[in-house]
Protein backbone atom coordinates (compact mmCIF):
# COMPACT_ATOMS: atom_id res chain seq x y z
CA MET A 1 109.22 60.43 269.21
CA LYS A 2 107.62 57.76 267.03
CA LEU A 3 107.70 58.59 263.33
CA ARG A 4 104.98 57.30 261.02
CA ARG A 5 105.44 56.31 257.40
CA SER A 6 104.02 58.69 254.83
CA ALA A 7 100.48 57.72 253.78
CA GLU A 8 100.12 55.34 256.73
CA LEU A 9 96.52 54.07 256.99
CA GLU A 10 96.64 52.19 260.29
CA ASN A 11 94.80 54.00 263.11
CA ASN A 12 93.87 56.68 260.60
CA THR A 13 90.14 57.44 260.82
CA THR A 14 87.96 60.49 261.33
CA TRP A 15 87.65 59.69 265.01
CA ASP A 16 91.39 59.20 265.44
CA LEU A 17 91.85 62.71 264.05
CA VAL A 18 89.16 64.11 266.35
CA LYS A 19 91.08 62.63 269.27
CA ASP A 20 94.32 64.14 267.95
CA ILE A 21 92.73 67.60 267.76
CA GLU A 22 91.53 67.32 271.34
CA VAL A 23 94.99 66.20 272.51
CA LEU A 24 96.46 69.24 270.73
CA ARG A 25 93.99 71.57 272.46
CA GLN A 26 94.92 70.13 275.83
CA LYS A 27 98.65 70.37 275.09
CA LEU A 28 98.25 74.04 274.16
CA GLY A 29 96.24 74.76 277.27
CA VAL A 30 93.35 76.30 275.31
CA MET A 31 89.96 76.08 277.02
CA LYS A 32 87.81 76.88 273.96
CA TRP A 33 88.76 77.75 270.42
CA HIS A 34 87.48 78.76 267.01
CA VAL A 35 87.41 75.86 264.55
CA PHE A 36 88.17 76.67 260.90
CA GLY A 37 88.09 74.18 258.04
CA GLY A 38 87.36 73.76 254.37
CA SER A 39 86.25 70.76 252.30
CA TRP A 40 87.53 67.70 254.22
CA GLY A 41 88.43 70.22 256.93
CA SER A 42 84.74 71.12 257.21
CA THR A 43 83.94 67.42 257.70
CA LEU A 44 86.49 67.14 260.45
CA SER A 45 85.39 70.45 262.02
CA LEU A 46 81.79 69.27 262.25
CA ALA A 47 82.85 65.89 263.63
CA TYR A 48 85.01 67.58 266.26
CA ALA A 49 82.32 70.13 267.19
CA GLN A 50 79.71 67.41 267.59
CA THR A 51 82.08 65.37 269.77
CA HIS A 52 83.42 68.26 271.86
CA PRO A 53 80.77 71.02 271.66
CA ASP A 54 81.88 72.58 274.94
CA ARG A 55 85.31 73.31 273.45
CA VAL A 56 84.14 75.19 270.34
CA LYS A 57 83.60 78.97 270.24
CA SER A 58 82.66 79.13 266.57
CA LEU A 59 82.88 77.34 263.25
CA VAL A 60 84.02 79.00 260.03
CA LEU A 61 83.60 76.47 257.24
CA ARG A 62 84.29 76.53 253.51
CA GLY A 63 83.19 74.06 250.85
CA ILE A 64 80.86 72.08 253.10
CA PHE A 65 81.50 68.36 252.75
CA THR A 66 79.80 65.81 254.99
CA LEU A 67 80.96 62.60 253.29
CA ARG A 68 77.52 61.41 252.25
CA GLN A 69 77.50 58.88 249.44
CA SER A 70 75.69 61.37 247.20
CA GLU A 71 78.55 63.86 247.63
CA LEU A 72 81.19 61.26 246.82
CA ARG A 73 79.26 60.09 243.74
CA PHE A 74 78.97 63.69 242.55
CA PHE A 75 82.72 64.11 242.20
CA TYR A 76 84.19 60.64 241.79
CA GLN A 77 81.50 58.61 240.02
CA ASP A 78 79.08 60.82 238.08
CA VAL A 79 81.99 62.33 236.18
CA THR A 80 82.30 59.11 234.17
CA THR A 81 79.10 59.98 232.29
CA ASP A 82 78.77 63.75 232.87
CA LEU A 83 80.72 66.19 230.70
CA ARG A 84 80.15 68.90 233.29
CA CYS A 85 82.88 71.30 232.23
CA ARG A 86 84.75 71.55 228.93
CA VAL A 87 87.64 73.31 230.68
CA THR A 88 88.39 70.21 232.75
CA GLN A 89 87.57 67.66 230.04
CA LEU A 90 91.24 66.77 229.51
CA TYR A 91 91.67 66.06 233.21
CA ARG A 92 88.40 64.13 233.33
CA GLU A 93 89.76 61.78 230.70
CA GLY A 94 92.98 61.44 232.68
CA TYR A 95 91.00 60.40 235.75
CA ILE A 96 88.87 57.84 233.92
CA ALA A 97 91.47 56.35 231.56
CA PRO A 98 93.47 54.25 234.09
CA ILE A 99 90.35 52.28 235.04
CA PRO A 100 89.04 49.57 232.68
CA GLU A 101 85.46 50.06 231.55
CA SER A 102 84.42 46.92 233.41
CA GLU A 103 85.37 48.58 236.73
CA ARG A 104 84.07 52.09 236.12
CA HIS A 105 80.79 51.43 237.90
CA ASP A 106 82.72 51.98 241.16
CA MET A 107 85.61 54.35 240.57
CA MET A 108 86.57 54.76 244.21
CA LYS A 109 86.84 51.00 244.70
CA ALA A 110 88.78 50.61 241.46
CA TYR A 111 91.26 53.28 242.53
CA HIS A 112 91.46 51.78 246.01
CA SER A 113 92.74 48.48 244.65
CA ARG A 114 95.41 50.27 242.61
CA LEU A 115 96.44 52.70 245.36
CA ASN A 116 97.06 49.68 247.58
CA SER A 117 98.68 47.50 244.93
CA PRO A 118 101.89 45.65 245.86
CA ASP A 119 103.42 47.19 242.72
CA ALA A 120 104.90 50.65 243.38
CA ASN A 121 104.48 51.83 239.79
CA THR A 122 100.79 50.91 239.81
CA ARG A 123 100.29 52.78 243.10
CA LEU A 124 102.06 55.89 241.87
CA ALA A 125 100.27 56.04 238.50
CA ALA A 126 96.90 55.76 240.23
CA ALA A 127 97.87 58.34 242.84
CA LYS A 128 98.88 60.90 240.23
CA ALA A 129 95.70 60.41 238.20
CA TRP A 130 93.51 60.72 241.31
CA ALA A 131 95.35 63.78 242.65
CA LYS A 132 95.50 65.51 239.27
CA TRP A 133 91.70 65.31 238.88
CA GLU A 134 91.14 67.04 242.20
CA MET A 135 93.87 69.62 241.66
CA ALA A 136 92.43 70.49 238.23
CA THR A 137 88.94 71.08 239.59
CA SER A 138 89.87 73.01 242.74
CA ARG A 139 89.80 76.40 241.00
CA LEU A 140 87.14 78.03 238.85
CA ILE A 141 89.81 78.40 236.16
CA VAL A 142 92.30 75.53 236.07
CA SER A 143 95.59 76.47 237.73
CA GLU A 144 98.49 74.67 236.07
CA ASP A 145 100.66 75.35 239.13
CA THR A 146 98.12 73.60 241.34
CA VAL A 147 97.82 70.66 238.93
CA ALA A 148 101.62 70.36 238.88
CA GLN A 149 101.57 69.35 242.55
CA ALA A 150 100.06 66.04 241.47
CA GLU A 151 103.26 65.20 239.60
CA LYS A 152 105.24 65.13 242.85
CA ASP A 153 105.52 61.50 243.88
CA ASP A 154 105.36 61.92 247.66
CA PHE A 155 102.49 64.43 247.52
CA ALA A 156 100.40 62.38 245.09
CA ASN A 157 100.89 59.13 246.97
CA ALA A 158 99.98 60.55 250.38
CA PHE A 159 97.13 62.72 249.10
CA ALA A 160 95.42 60.04 247.01
CA ARG A 161 96.00 57.04 249.26
CA ILE A 162 94.75 58.67 252.46
CA GLU A 163 91.83 60.47 250.81
CA ASN A 164 90.65 57.33 249.04
CA HIS A 165 91.03 55.35 252.29
CA TYR A 166 88.58 57.68 254.01
CA PHE A 167 86.13 57.75 251.13
CA VAL A 168 85.84 54.01 250.49
CA ASN A 169 85.23 53.62 254.22
CA GLU A 170 82.51 56.32 254.13
CA GLY A 171 84.41 58.48 256.58
CA PHE A 172 84.02 55.81 259.27
CA MET A 173 80.57 57.16 260.08
CA ARG A 174 76.91 56.67 259.23
CA ASN A 175 75.80 58.06 255.88
CA GLY A 176 74.52 61.57 256.62
CA GLN A 177 75.59 61.43 260.26
CA LEU A 178 77.00 64.97 260.36
CA LEU A 179 73.67 66.37 259.13
CA GLU A 180 71.45 64.50 261.57
CA LYS A 181 69.49 66.88 263.79
CA GLN A 182 70.50 65.18 267.01
CA GLU A 183 74.15 65.60 266.00
CA ILE A 184 73.68 69.25 264.96
CA ASP A 185 71.89 69.99 268.24
CA LYS A 186 74.99 68.93 270.14
CA MET A 187 76.90 71.94 268.78
CA TYR A 188 74.82 74.78 270.18
CA PRO A 189 75.72 77.56 270.81
CA SER A 190 78.51 77.47 268.20
CA HIS A 191 78.33 80.19 265.55
CA PRO A 192 79.12 78.64 262.16
CA ASN A 193 79.67 80.44 258.90
CA TYR A 194 79.71 78.83 255.48
CA ARG A 195 81.58 80.35 252.54
CA GLY A 196 80.51 78.38 249.54
CA SER A 197 81.87 76.76 246.43
CA ARG A 198 80.24 74.20 244.21
CA LYS A 199 82.73 72.66 241.79
CA ILE A 200 83.90 69.81 244.03
CA CYS A 201 81.50 70.02 246.98
CA PRO A 202 77.95 70.58 245.70
CA ALA A 203 76.14 73.56 247.23
CA THR A 204 73.23 71.24 248.01
CA THR A 205 75.26 70.05 250.99
CA ALA A 206 75.50 73.58 252.37
CA TRP A 207 71.75 73.98 251.95
CA ALA A 208 71.19 70.67 253.73
CA LEU A 209 73.23 71.96 256.66
CA LYS A 210 71.31 75.24 256.60
CA ARG A 211 67.97 73.42 256.70
CA THR A 212 69.04 71.39 259.71
CA TRP A 213 70.78 74.34 261.37
CA PRO A 214 68.88 77.52 260.37
CA GLU A 215 71.02 79.77 262.57
CA ILE A 216 74.09 79.53 260.35
CA THR A 217 75.23 82.39 258.12
CA LEU A 218 75.47 81.02 254.59
CA HIS A 219 77.27 82.58 251.62
CA ILE A 220 77.33 81.07 248.13
CA ILE A 221 80.22 82.55 246.12
CA LEU A 222 79.12 82.35 242.50
CA ASP A 223 82.39 83.41 240.85
CA ALA A 224 84.63 80.94 242.65
CA GLY A 225 85.65 77.32 242.53
CA HIS A 226 86.62 75.20 245.51
CA SER A 227 89.94 76.57 246.71
CA SER A 228 90.27 78.91 249.68
CA ARG A 229 92.59 80.93 247.44
CA GLU A 230 89.73 81.98 245.18
CA PRO A 231 89.41 85.77 245.74
CA GLY A 232 85.70 85.72 246.59
CA ILE A 233 86.06 82.88 249.08
CA GLU A 234 89.22 84.30 250.62
CA LYS A 235 87.47 87.64 251.15
CA LYS A 236 84.54 86.05 252.99
CA LEU A 237 86.79 83.88 255.13
CA VAL A 238 88.75 86.93 256.26
CA GLU A 239 85.50 88.79 256.95
CA ALA A 240 84.24 85.91 259.09
CA ALA A 241 87.47 85.84 261.10
CA ASP A 242 87.33 89.62 261.55
CA ILE A 243 83.74 89.40 262.82
CA MET A 244 84.74 86.85 265.45
CA ALA A 245 87.69 89.02 266.50
CA SER A 246 85.58 92.20 266.68
CA LYS A 247 83.09 90.48 268.96
CA GLY A 248 85.87 89.41 271.26
CA LEU A 249 84.85 85.80 270.91
């Protein structure tokens, strides 16, 4: 067995992961399966379903994210000038502070240079700041336990370095590719569900998917953040899974 280094970026793209999922399906001997994913997992689920539509029974997606530039700007760039939430203001400052003002016009690029710095201390400091921002905003009410994960060196380094790698490379796809009608049409007759959140992934993305794919069942959970552990989102995800099971799909 060949072991890979943690946070390895070589041969690590959306389409490499789609291939890995298909290899896993074949290894398990599963003809068709239900695909379940949230946030980045929803991106990967859509990419897989559009590549292998004949292998997908249904999609249950949470926190729709399609890696458009507008979605990335919403969370990683607009925050530099938008005081969107007083509760996360402290963490906002922690995300912005490591980047000099002269580089703040492109936060993802600025972080990319630091996350790939030859200096280990520079890489780790950037990784913790990047990870802490996302951990702080993943719940409607900040969870200190969740934020504490960002202080773990191995977690922060892998999380931030790989995530930033995908984002600065625009997911290795065309901007808006996952929402293009010809791509959506490939997935019929999958039965997707969306259980919404808006703090990290704007609900406008879910509506964009709904407009292109009117057959989906869409739920916007108003009293929840981004995490699948939010009670309202968790409830709807379980309901969606139960519906699929009851139909014998």
